[in-house]
Amino acid sequence: MILASPMFRKLLLISLLPIALALVIVTFQIRSPAARIGWAIFDGAAAALLLTLILAYFVSRSFTRRVAQLRAAAEGLVDARTVAPPPAEGDELEALAVAVRHTSGQLQRLMANLKVESERREAILAGMMEGVLAVDGNLRVTFSNRAFVEAAGALAPIGEHARLVEVVRDPALSELLHQVLSSGRMLRQRLQLTSAEGRVFEIQAAPLAAPSGSGAIAILHDITDLERLERVRKDFVANVSHELRTPLTAIRGYAETLLDGALDDQEHNRRFVEIIKAHSIRLNNIASDLLVLSELESGKRAAEPVPVSIREALESALRTVESEARMRNVTLRTVRLDDAQVLGDKMRLEQALVNLLDNAVKFNRARGEVRAACGSRSPGEAFIAIADTGIGIPSEDLSRIFERFYRVDKARSRDVGGTGLGLSIVKHVVERMNGTLLVESQLGKGSTFTLRFPALDEGK
């Protein structure tokens, strides 16, 4: 390696020049008296040449080794390898070695910082609740986090440079990213992804510059619950307005009738006042139920949960609806009254049972029957069951009867004075007590509501 180095060849050439010149001179003066002197000069030059070659060899070897070390150190800066520069020896290569050593230290610190920042960024993106998707100019995936994989319903992990249409079979998302790539502007759009089981996303997409070319990045915010809440809020406002309009219109109409002269009509004025009173009671019931429902949905507790006897709560509720049952010719019958203790609010539980019994009486047939039972069905579980022989609930309405203001028979519900909030209150009361509510119904034969709660141990 040393003999083949360009530097050594140059030194050898320079050293051979005086020898060649002396050889030429001796050749022309070989017959002259000074021939012996020429040969002596030639021998001296040859000896000097040999010494020069030996010194040049060692100098070239040391120089070549240090240059090779410098080259290795410089190459190590590019591929992040740690290669030590040659030690300083006080010559011209010392300044270069110091510069390489200084640059190496700076680049190593820079690369370490970049690695930490990259790992931190990857951890943040991977842990985000929002889905993150990055694509290149050909709509091939360059990055995606777990939230996006779950939202897209794709198999994790998504292969590098996979085509977006193979990952998310939804043309709306591909079209949005294509518009971002072509326009170079940030776009925002609300999309319902079919691959995500119809969930709704607010997608914000922006251009993404990369060394390999242009790309785009999209952030997917899941707003399905917000959409549902907004829809529920609109329905609630519409339902409240509708429920309040009927009694308010009746009250205003009969009040205007009385003021227009019906006060002097002894035959009808009392009936008009009774109608106004009935609608006022209905308005008061709606307002009261709305306040109760608002309190239950807020999650705030009026008092700490206490042990409650389900037998006492059921007996109290039965006494409350006795007069209504007699008036409607409906029989109240207890099938089983075993006691069990549950944790909750006694007043709210009684209110829920009154709502269920009141519905069972009002939506029953003449000479119908309401059966009530309570007790323990299995260790650790208490139940309360209320069954009636009334009109029943159509199967298509069973999933919606706990919605606010939802009525199966709208005309009859208003005739009997229902607010449409009773079953919604029952559901919230049961859920607050960590229970479950089951409904079984046959149209024309009646319905059965079963409340199940975790039962307290006898010793508690």
Protein backbone atom coordinates (compact mmCIF):
# COMPACT_ATOMS: atom_id res chain seq x y z
CA MET A 1 0.00 0.00 0.00
CA ILE A 2 2.79 2.41 0.91
CA LEU A 3 4.83 1.58 -2.22
CA ALA A 4 1.74 2.20 -4.35
CA SER A 5 0.88 5.55 -2.79
CA PRO A 6 1.24 8.57 -5.09
CA MET A 7 3.35 10.46 -2.52
CA PHE A 8 5.91 7.70 -2.26
CA ARG A 9 6.19 7.49 -6.04
CA LYS A 10 6.86 11.23 -6.22
CA LEU A 11 9.57 11.01 -3.57
CA LEU A 12 11.17 8.08 -5.42
CA LEU A 13 11.15 10.02 -8.70
CA ILE A 14 12.74 13.07 -7.10
CA SER A 15 15.42 10.93 -5.48
CA LEU A 16 16.30 9.15 -8.74
CA LEU A 17 16.89 12.38 -10.71
CA PRO A 18 20.37 13.23 -9.29
CA ILE A 19 21.45 9.59 -9.59
CA ALA A 20 20.42 9.49 -13.23
CA LEU A 21 22.30 12.75 -13.87
CA ALA A 22 25.45 11.40 -12.20
CA LEU A 23 25.18 8.17 -14.20
CA VAL A 24 25.07 10.15 -17.47
CA ILE A 25 28.12 12.16 -16.49
CA VAL A 26 30.10 9.06 -15.54
CA THR A 27 29.12 7.37 -18.79
CA PHE A 28 30.63 10.18 -20.87
CA GLN A 29 33.76 10.45 -18.71
CA ILE A 30 34.45 6.76 -18.23
CA ARG A 31 37.78 7.01 -20.15
CA SER A 32 38.85 10.28 -18.57
CA PRO A 33 41.24 10.55 -15.64
CA ALA A 34 38.34 11.70 -13.53
CA ALA A 35 36.51 8.36 -13.99
CA ARG A 36 37.42 7.19 -10.56
CA ILE A 37 36.05 10.37 -9.08
CA GLY A 38 32.82 9.91 -11.07
CA TRP A 39 32.39 6.42 -9.83
CA ALA A 40 32.96 7.62 -6.29
CA ILE A 41 30.28 10.25 -6.82
CA PHE A 42 27.98 7.58 -8.22
CA ASP A 43 28.55 5.30 -5.21
CA GLY A 44 27.82 8.21 -2.86
CA ALA A 45 24.71 9.13 -4.75
CA ALA A 46 23.52 5.51 -4.68
CA ALA A 47 24.09 5.37 -0.95
CA ALA A 48 22.20 8.68 -0.55
CA LEU A 49 19.44 7.31 -2.71
CA LEU A 50 19.11 4.21 -0.58
CA LEU A 51 19.01 6.27 2.60
CA THR A 52 16.50 8.65 1.04
CA LEU A 53 14.28 5.76 0.00
CA ILE A 54 14.34 4.29 3.49
CA LEU A 55 13.48 7.65 5.08
CA ALA A 56 10.80 8.33 2.44
CA TYR A 57 9.26 4.96 3.09
CA PHE A 58 8.84 5.54 6.81
CA VAL A 59 7.67 9.15 6.34
CA SER A 60 5.20 8.12 3.66
CA ARG A 61 3.90 5.26 5.74
CA SER A 62 3.24 7.50 8.75
CA PHE A 63 1.72 10.20 6.55
CA THR A 64 -0.47 7.74 4.66
CA ARG A 65 -1.71 6.15 7.91
CA ARG A 66 -2.72 9.51 9.36
CA VAL A 67 -4.41 10.54 6.12
CA ALA A 68 -6.32 7.23 6.14
CA GLN A 69 -7.39 7.89 9.72
CA LEU A 70 -8.59 11.37 8.78
CA ARG A 71 -10.52 9.98 5.83
CA ALA A 72 -12.13 7.30 8.02
CA ALA A 73 -13.06 9.93 10.60
CA ALA A 74 -14.59 12.15 7.91
CA GLU A 75 -16.57 9.25 6.45
CA GLY A 76 -17.76 8.37 9.94
CA LEU A 77 -19.38 11.79 10.22
CA VAL A 78 -21.70 10.91 7.34
CA ASP A 79 -22.88 7.44 8.43
CA ALA A 80 -22.90 8.26 12.17
CA ARG A 81 -19.94 5.98 12.99
CA THR A 82 -17.58 7.06 15.77
CA VAL A 83 -14.02 7.03 14.41
CA ALA A 84 -11.23 8.78 16.33
CA PRO A 85 -9.09 11.27 14.30
CA PRO A 86 -5.29 10.75 14.33
CA PRO A 87 -3.41 12.18 17.32
CA ALA A 88 -1.80 15.59 16.98
CA GLU A 89 1.92 15.52 16.09
CA GLY A 90 2.66 19.21 15.67
CA ASP A 91 2.76 19.26 11.86
CA GLU A 92 0.53 20.51 9.07
CA LEU A 93 -2.06 17.73 9.59
CA GLU A 94 -2.61 18.74 13.22
CA ALA A 95 -4.98 21.62 12.32
CA LEU A 96 -7.01 19.33 10.08
CA ALA A 97 -7.17 16.64 12.80
CA VAL A 98 -8.33 19.22 15.40
CA ALA A 99 -11.04 20.50 13.02
CA VAL A 100 -12.26 16.96 12.30
CA ARG A 101 -12.30 16.13 16.03
CA HIS A 102 -14.26 19.31 16.83
CA THR A 103 -16.72 18.72 14.00
CA SER A 104 -17.17 15.09 15.05
CA GLY A 105 -18.10 16.08 18.60
CA GLN A 106 -20.61 18.66 17.42
CA LEU A 107 -22.21 16.29 14.93
CA GLN A 108 -22.49 13.52 17.55
CA ARG A 109 -24.26 15.86 19.97
CA LEU A 110 -26.52 17.08 17.15
CA MET A 111 -27.37 13.53 16.08
CA ALA A 112 -28.12 12.54 19.70
CA ASN A 113 -30.45 15.52 20.09
CA LEU A 114 -32.17 14.74 16.80
CA LYS A 115 -32.64 11.12 17.86
CA VAL A 116 -34.20 12.15 21.17
CA GLU A 117 -36.50 14.65 19.45
CA SER A 118 -37.48 12.09 16.82
CA GLU A 119 -38.30 9.45 19.43
CA ARG A 120 -40.25 12.02 21.46
CA ARG A 121 -42.21 13.10 18.38
CA GLU A 122 -42.92 9.49 17.46
CA ALA A 123 -44.15 8.77 21.00
CA ILE A 124 -46.42 11.85 20.99
CA LEU A 125 -47.92 11.02 17.61
CA ALA A 126 -48.37 7.36 18.51
CA GLY A 127 -50.12 8.24 21.78
CA MET A 128 -52.48 10.85 20.34
CA MET A 129 -56.20 10.17 20.59
CA GLU A 130 -56.61 11.76 17.17
CA GLY A 131 -55.72 9.76 14.11
CA VAL A 132 -52.62 10.99 12.24
CA LEU A 133 -51.92 10.10 8.61
CA ALA A 134 -49.06 11.26 6.37
CA VAL A 135 -48.86 10.49 2.64
CA ASP A 136 -46.42 11.31 -0.14
CA GLY A 137 -47.19 12.93 -3.49
CA ASN A 138 -48.51 9.61 -4.85
CA LEU A 139 -50.93 9.13 -1.93
CA ARG A 140 -48.83 6.38 -0.39
CA VAL A 141 -48.79 6.13 3.40
CA THR A 142 -45.54 7.29 4.99
CA PHE A 143 -46.76 7.44 8.61
CA SER A 144 -49.87 6.47 10.59
CA ASN A 145 -50.47 6.11 14.31
CA ARG A 146 -52.55 3.55 16.17
CA ALA A 147 -55.58 5.85 16.43
CA PHE A 148 -55.74 6.15 12.64
CA VAL A 149 -55.39 2.38 12.20
CA GLU A 150 -58.32 1.83 14.56
CA ALA A 151 -60.38 4.57 12.91
CA ALA A 152 -59.72 3.18 9.44
CA GLY A 153 -60.45 -0.37 10.53
CA ALA A 154 -57.16 -1.48 8.93
CA LEU A 155 -54.88 -4.30 9.98
CA ALA A 156 -51.98 -3.02 12.08
CA PRO A 157 -49.33 -2.19 11.23
CA ILE A 158 -49.93 -0.49 7.89
CA GLY A 159 -47.15 -1.41 5.45
CA GLU A 160 -44.67 1.29 4.49
CA HIS A 161 -45.61 3.07 1.24
CA ALA A 162 -48.94 1.25 1.11
CA ARG A 163 -51.47 2.86 -1.21
CA LEU A 164 -54.06 4.91 0.63
CA VAL A 165 -56.96 3.41 -1.35
CA GLU A 166 -55.90 -0.03 -0.11
CA VAL A 167 -55.91 1.12 3.52
CA VAL A 168 -59.06 3.30 3.56
CA ARG A 169 -61.63 2.40 0.95
CA ASP A 170 -63.28 5.79 1.18
CA PRO A 171 -62.87 8.08 -1.85
CA ALA A 172 -63.75 11.20 0.17
CA LEU A 173 -60.52 11.04 2.23
CA SER A 174 -58.37 10.40 -0.86
CA GLU A 175 -60.05 13.29 -2.68
CA LEU A 176 -59.40 15.63 0.27
CA LEU A 177 -55.69 14.79 0.38
CA HIS A 178 -55.46 15.09 -3.41
CA GLN A 179 -56.89 18.62 -3.21
CA VAL A 180 -54.33 19.53 -0.55
CA LEU A 181 -51.47 18.22 -2.70
CA SER A 182 -52.67 20.03 -5.82
CA SER A 183 -53.55 23.36 -4.16
CA GLY A 184 -50.86 23.50 -1.49
CA ARG A 185 -53.42 24.87 1.01
CA MET A 186 -54.72 23.59 4.32
CA LEU A 187 -58.28 22.20 4.10
CA ARG A 188 -60.82 21.18 6.72
CA GLN A 189 -63.75 18.85 6.09
CA ARG A 190 -66.25 16.78 8.07
CA LEU A 191 -66.47 13.20 6.81
CA GLN A 192 -68.31 10.05 7.80
CA LEU A 193 -65.97 7.13 7.11
CA THR A 194 -67.74 3.95 6.14
CA SER A 195 -64.67 1.92 7.07
CA ALA A 196 -64.94 3.27 10.64
CA GLU A 197 -68.48 1.93 11.13
CA GLY A 198 -70.00 5.23 10.12
CA ARG A 199 -68.20 7.36 12.71
CA VAL A 200 -67.92 11.07 11.94
CA PHE A 201 -64.53 12.80 11.80
CA GLU A 202 -63.43 16.41 11.53
CA ILE A 203 -60.39 16.09 9.23
CA GLN A 204 -57.77 18.82 8.99
CA ALA A 205 -55.29 18.26 6.15
CA ALA A 206 -52.23 20.37 5.31
CA PRO A 207 -49.27 20.19 2.91
CA LEU A 208 -46.17 18.46 4.22
CA ALA A 209 -42.70 19.24 2.86
CA ALA A 210 -40.22 16.37 2.82
CA PRO A 211 -36.73 15.82 1.32
CA SER A 212 -38.14 13.12 -0.95
CA GLY A 213 -40.85 15.42 -2.33
CA SER A 214 -44.19 16.97 -1.47
CA GLY A 215 -46.74 15.23 0.73
CA ALA A 216 -49.70 15.86 3.00
CA ILE A 217 -50.64 15.20 6.61
CA ALA A 218 -54.16 14.73 7.99
CA ILE A 219 -55.41 14.89 11.60
CA LEU A 220 -58.68 13.03 12.26
CA HIS A 221 -60.77 14.29 15.21
CA ASP A 222 -63.55 11.87 16.19
CA ILE A 223 -66.67 14.01 16.70
CA THR A 224 -69.25 11.21 16.61
CA ASP A 225 -70.29 11.78 20.21
CA LEU A 226 -70.46 15.53 19.66
CA GLU A 227 -72.67 14.97 16.62
CA ARG A 228 -74.94 12.71 18.64
CA LEU A 229 -75.14 15.19 21.51
CA GLU A 230 -75.89 18.00 19.10
CA ARG A 231 -78.67 15.92 17.53
CA VAL A 232 -80.06 15.05 20.97
CA ARG A 233 -79.95 18.72 21.98
CA LYS A 234 -81.87 19.77 18.88
CA ASP A 235 -84.42 17.00 19.39
CA PHE A 236 -84.76 17.95 23.04
CA VAL A 237 -85.40 21.61 22.27
CA ALA A 238 -87.94 20.66 19.60
CA ASN A 239 -89.68 18.18 21.93
CA VAL A 240 -89.79 20.59 24.86
CA SER A 241 -91.22 23.30 22.64
CA HIS A 242 -93.84 20.90 21.33
CA GLU A 243 -94.78 19.60 24.80
CA LEU A 244 -95.09 23.09 26.27
CA ARG A 245 -96.99 24.54 23.34
CA THR A 246 -100.10 22.36 23.79
CA PRO A 247 -100.90 23.21 27.45
CA LEU A 248 -99.85 26.84 27.02
CA THR A 249 -102.13 27.20 24.00
CA ALA A 250 -105.01 25.61 25.91
CA ILE A 251 -104.46 27.84 28.95
CA ARG A 252 -104.29 30.96 26.81
CA GLY A 253 -107.35 29.97 24.78
CA TYR A 254 -109.57 29.24 27.77
CA ALA A 255 -108.31 32.32 29.64
CA GLU A 256 -109.17 34.53 26.66
CA THR A 257 -112.57 32.83 26.43
CA LEU A 258 -113.26 33.64 30.07
CA LEU A 259 -112.12 37.24 29.63
CA ASP A 260 -114.32 37.63 26.55
CA GLY A 261 -117.45 37.00 28.63
CA ALA A 262 -117.46 33.37 29.62
CA LEU A 263 -116.92 34.37 33.26
CA ASP A 264 -120.65 35.14 33.43
CA ASP A 265 -121.53 31.77 31.84
CA GLN A 266 -122.45 29.77 34.95
CA GLU A 267 -122.86 26.63 32.89
CA HIS A 268 -119.31 26.53 31.44
CA ASN A 269 -117.01 28.87 33.39
CA ARG A 270 -116.17 26.29 36.08
CA ARG A 271 -115.28 23.68 33.44
CA PHE A 272 -113.00 26.18 31.69
CA VAL A 273 -111.19 26.92 34.94
CA GLU A 274 -110.77 23.17 35.63
CA ILE A 275 -109.24 22.73 32.16
CA ILE A 276 -106.83 25.60 32.84
CA LYS A 277 -105.91 23.99 36.17
CA ALA A 278 -105.31 20.57 34.54
CA HIS A 279 -102.98 22.05 31.94
CA SER A 280 -101.18 24.05 34.63
CA ILE A 281 -100.60 20.82 36.55
CA ARG A 282 -99.26 19.24 33.40
CA LEU A 283 -96.84 22.15 32.88
CA ASN A 284 -95.73 21.84 36.49
CA ASN A 285 -95.16 18.08 36.04
CA ILE A 286 -93.10 18.66 32.91
CA ALA A 287 -90.97 21.29 34.65
CA SER A 288 -90.52 19.05 37.70
CA ASP A 289 -89.52 16.02 35.59
CA LEU A 290 -87.10 18.15 33.57
CA LEU A 291 -85.40 19.34 36.76
CA VAL A 292 -85.13 15.76 38.04
CA LEU A 293 -83.76 14.53 34.72
CA SER A 294 -81.26 17.40 34.57
CA GLU A 295 -80.03 16.55 38.05
CA LEU A 296 -79.67 12.86 37.22
CA GLU A 297 -77.82 13.54 33.97
CA SER A 298 -75.44 16.02 35.61
CA GLY A 299 -73.98 13.22 37.77
CA LYS A 300 -74.36 15.25 40.96
CA ARG A 301 -75.69 13.37 43.98
CA ALA A 302 -78.09 15.04 46.41
CA ALA A 303 -76.85 12.67 49.15
CA GLU A 304 -74.40 9.85 49.63
CA PRO A 305 -75.73 6.38 48.69
CA VAL A 306 -77.19 4.47 51.64
CA PRO A 307 -78.59 0.96 52.06
CA VAL A 308 -82.17 0.87 50.77
CA SER A 309 -84.79 -1.83 51.35
CA ILE A 310 -86.33 -2.73 48.00
CA ARG A 311 -89.42 -4.12 49.74
CA GLU A 312 -90.08 -0.84 51.59
CA ALA A 313 -89.50 1.18 48.38
CA LEU A 314 -91.93 -1.01 46.40
CA GLU A 315 -94.63 -0.94 49.12
CA SER A 316 -94.38 2.86 49.34
CA ALA A 317 -94.73 3.20 45.56
CA LEU A 318 -97.75 0.85 45.55
CA ARG A 319 -99.48 2.98 48.20
CA THR A 320 -98.86 6.08 46.07
CA VAL A 321 -100.69 4.71 43.00
CA GLU A 322 -103.53 2.95 44.88
CA SER A 323 -106.06 5.74 44.34
CA GLU A 324 -105.24 6.03 40.63
CA ALA A 325 -105.62 2.24 40.24
CA ARG A 326 -109.03 2.23 41.96
CA MET A 327 -110.22 5.12 39.79
CA ARG A 328 -109.23 3.24 36.62
CA ASN A 329 -110.52 -0.11 37.89
CA VAL A 330 -107.07 -1.75 37.80
CA THR A 331 -106.03 -4.33 40.42
CA LEU A 332 -102.66 -4.07 42.16
CA ARG A 333 -101.33 -7.47 43.20
CA THR A 334 -98.05 -8.42 44.88
CA VAL A 335 -96.67 -11.77 43.73
CA ARG A 336 -93.60 -11.86 45.93
CA LEU A 337 -92.31 -9.40 48.50
CA ASP A 338 -88.92 -10.66 49.73
CA ASP A 339 -86.54 -8.07 51.10
CA ALA A 340 -83.01 -7.22 49.99
CA GLN A 341 -80.69 -4.29 50.58
CA VAL A 342 -79.25 -2.23 47.73
CA LEU A 343 -77.05 0.86 47.75
CA GLY A 344 -78.65 4.04 46.45
CA ASP A 345 -81.12 6.87 47.04
CA LYS A 346 -84.43 5.74 48.57
CA MET A 347 -86.40 8.76 47.33
CA ARG A 348 -85.17 8.37 43.74
CA LEU A 349 -85.83 4.62 43.74
CA GLU A 350 -89.39 5.20 44.97
CA GLN A 351 -89.85 7.87 42.29
CA ALA A 352 -88.70 5.42 39.58
CA LEU A 353 -91.06 2.71 40.86
CA VAL A 354 -93.96 5.18 41.01
CA ASN A 355 -93.30 6.11 37.36
CA LEU A 356 -93.35 2.45 36.32
CA LEU A 357 -96.47 1.62 38.34
CA ASP A 358 -98.23 4.78 37.14
CA ASN A 359 -97.57 3.80 33.50
CA ALA A 360 -98.72 0.24 34.19
CA VAL A 361 -102.01 1.57 35.60
CA LYS A 362 -102.68 4.31 33.04
CA PHE A 363 -101.88 2.18 29.99
CA ASN A 364 -103.81 -0.82 31.23
CA ARG A 365 -107.27 -1.99 30.20
CA ALA A 366 -110.39 -1.80 32.34
CA ARG A 367 -110.40 -4.53 35.04
CA GLY A 368 -106.77 -5.12 34.21
CA GLU A 369 -104.04 -6.16 36.62
CA VAL A 370 -100.62 -4.94 37.71
CA ARG A 371 -98.33 -7.49 39.37
CA ALA A 372 -95.32 -6.46 41.47
CA ALA A 373 -92.52 -8.60 42.93
CA CYS A 374 -89.14 -8.08 44.57
CA GLY A 375 -86.43 -10.14 46.23
CA SER A 376 -83.16 -11.91 45.48
CA ARG A 377 -82.89 -13.98 42.33
CA SER A 378 -79.28 -15.08 42.90
CA PRO A 379 -76.57 -14.38 45.50
CA GLY A 380 -75.45 -10.78 45.22
CA GLU A 381 -78.35 -9.68 42.98
CA ALA A 382 -81.68 -8.06 43.91
CA PHE A 383 -84.59 -7.51 41.56
CA ILE A 384 -87.86 -5.62 41.29
CA ALA A 385 -90.37 -6.65 38.62
CA ILE A 386 -93.53 -4.81 37.52
CA ALA A 387 -95.86 -6.46 34.98
CA ASP A 388 -99.16 -5.30 33.54
CA THR A 389 -101.90 -6.62 31.28
CA GLY A 390 -102.10 -3.43 29.22
CA ILE A 391 -101.71 -2.48 25.60
CA GLY A 392 -98.07 -3.57 25.28
CA ILE A 393 -95.27 -1.98 23.30
CA PRO A 394 -94.52 -2.67 19.62
CA SER A 395 -91.13 -4.35 19.09
CA GLU A 396 -89.90 -1.52 16.87
CA ASP A 397 -90.44 0.96 19.73
CA LEU A 398 -88.73 -1.00 22.53
CA SER A 399 -85.30 0.48 21.82
CA ARG A 400 -86.61 4.06 22.03
CA ILE A 401 -89.02 4.10 24.94
CA PHE A 402 -86.34 5.49 27.30
CA GLU A 403 -85.72 8.54 25.13
CA ARG A 404 -86.96 11.85 26.48
CA PHE A 405 -90.49 12.74 25.29
CA TYR A 406 -90.78 9.55 23.25
CA ARG A 407 -94.30 8.13 23.30
CA VAL A 408 -95.60 4.90 21.80
CA ASP A 409 -99.23 6.04 21.77
CA LYS A 410 -98.94 9.84 21.58
CA ALA A 411 -102.65 10.61 21.73
CA ARG A 412 -103.33 8.39 24.75
CA SER A 413 -100.17 9.59 26.54
CA ARG A 414 -101.39 13.17 26.51
CA ASP A 415 -104.92 12.12 27.49
CA VAL A 416 -103.65 10.41 30.66
CA GLY A 417 -101.38 13.32 31.52
CA GLY A 418 -97.96 11.78 30.83
CA THR A 419 -94.94 14.03 30.34
CA GLY A 420 -92.92 11.58 28.22
CA LEU A 421 -90.02 11.79 30.71
CA GLY A 422 -90.96 9.07 33.21
CA LEU A 423 -89.10 6.14 31.64
CA SER A 424 -86.04 8.30 30.96
CA ILE A 425 -85.95 9.16 34.68
CA VAL A 426 -86.32 5.47 35.56
CA LYS A 427 -83.36 4.56 33.35
CA HIS A 428 -81.09 7.21 34.89
CA VAL A 429 -82.05 6.23 38.45
CA VAL A 430 -81.31 2.56 37.79
CA GLU A 431 -77.97 3.32 36.11
CA ARG A 432 -76.95 5.61 38.98
CA MET A 433 -77.50 2.68 41.36
CA ASN A 434 -75.30 0.47 39.10
CA GLY A 435 -78.32 -1.55 38.05
CA THR A 436 -79.81 -2.74 34.78
CA LEU A 437 -83.29 -2.31 33.33
CA LEU A 438 -84.88 -5.00 31.14
CA VAL A 439 -88.15 -4.78 29.20
CA GLU A 440 -90.30 -7.59 27.80
CA SER A 441 -93.53 -6.77 25.99
CA GLN A 442 -96.15 -8.27 23.71
CA LEU A 443 -98.50 -6.02 21.80
CA GLY A 444 -101.99 -6.32 23.25
CA LYS A 445 -100.88 -8.57 26.15
CA GLY A 446 -98.85 -6.30 28.40
CA SER A 447 -95.31 -5.43 29.44
CA THR A 448 -92.84 -6.44 32.16
CA PHE A 449 -90.11 -4.14 33.49
CA THR A 450 -87.38 -5.80 35.56
CA LEU A 451 -84.88 -3.81 37.62
CA ARG A 452 -81.72 -5.60 38.77
CA PHE A 453 -79.28 -4.22 41.34
CA PRO A 454 -76.14 -5.44 43.14
CA ALA A 455 -77.38 -6.63 46.56
CA LEU A 456 -75.56 -5.83 49.79
CA ASP A 457 -74.42 -8.65 52.05
CA GLU A 458 -76.61 -9.41 55.04
CA GLY A 459 -73.90 -8.29 57.44
CA LYS A 460 -73.53 -4.83 55.92
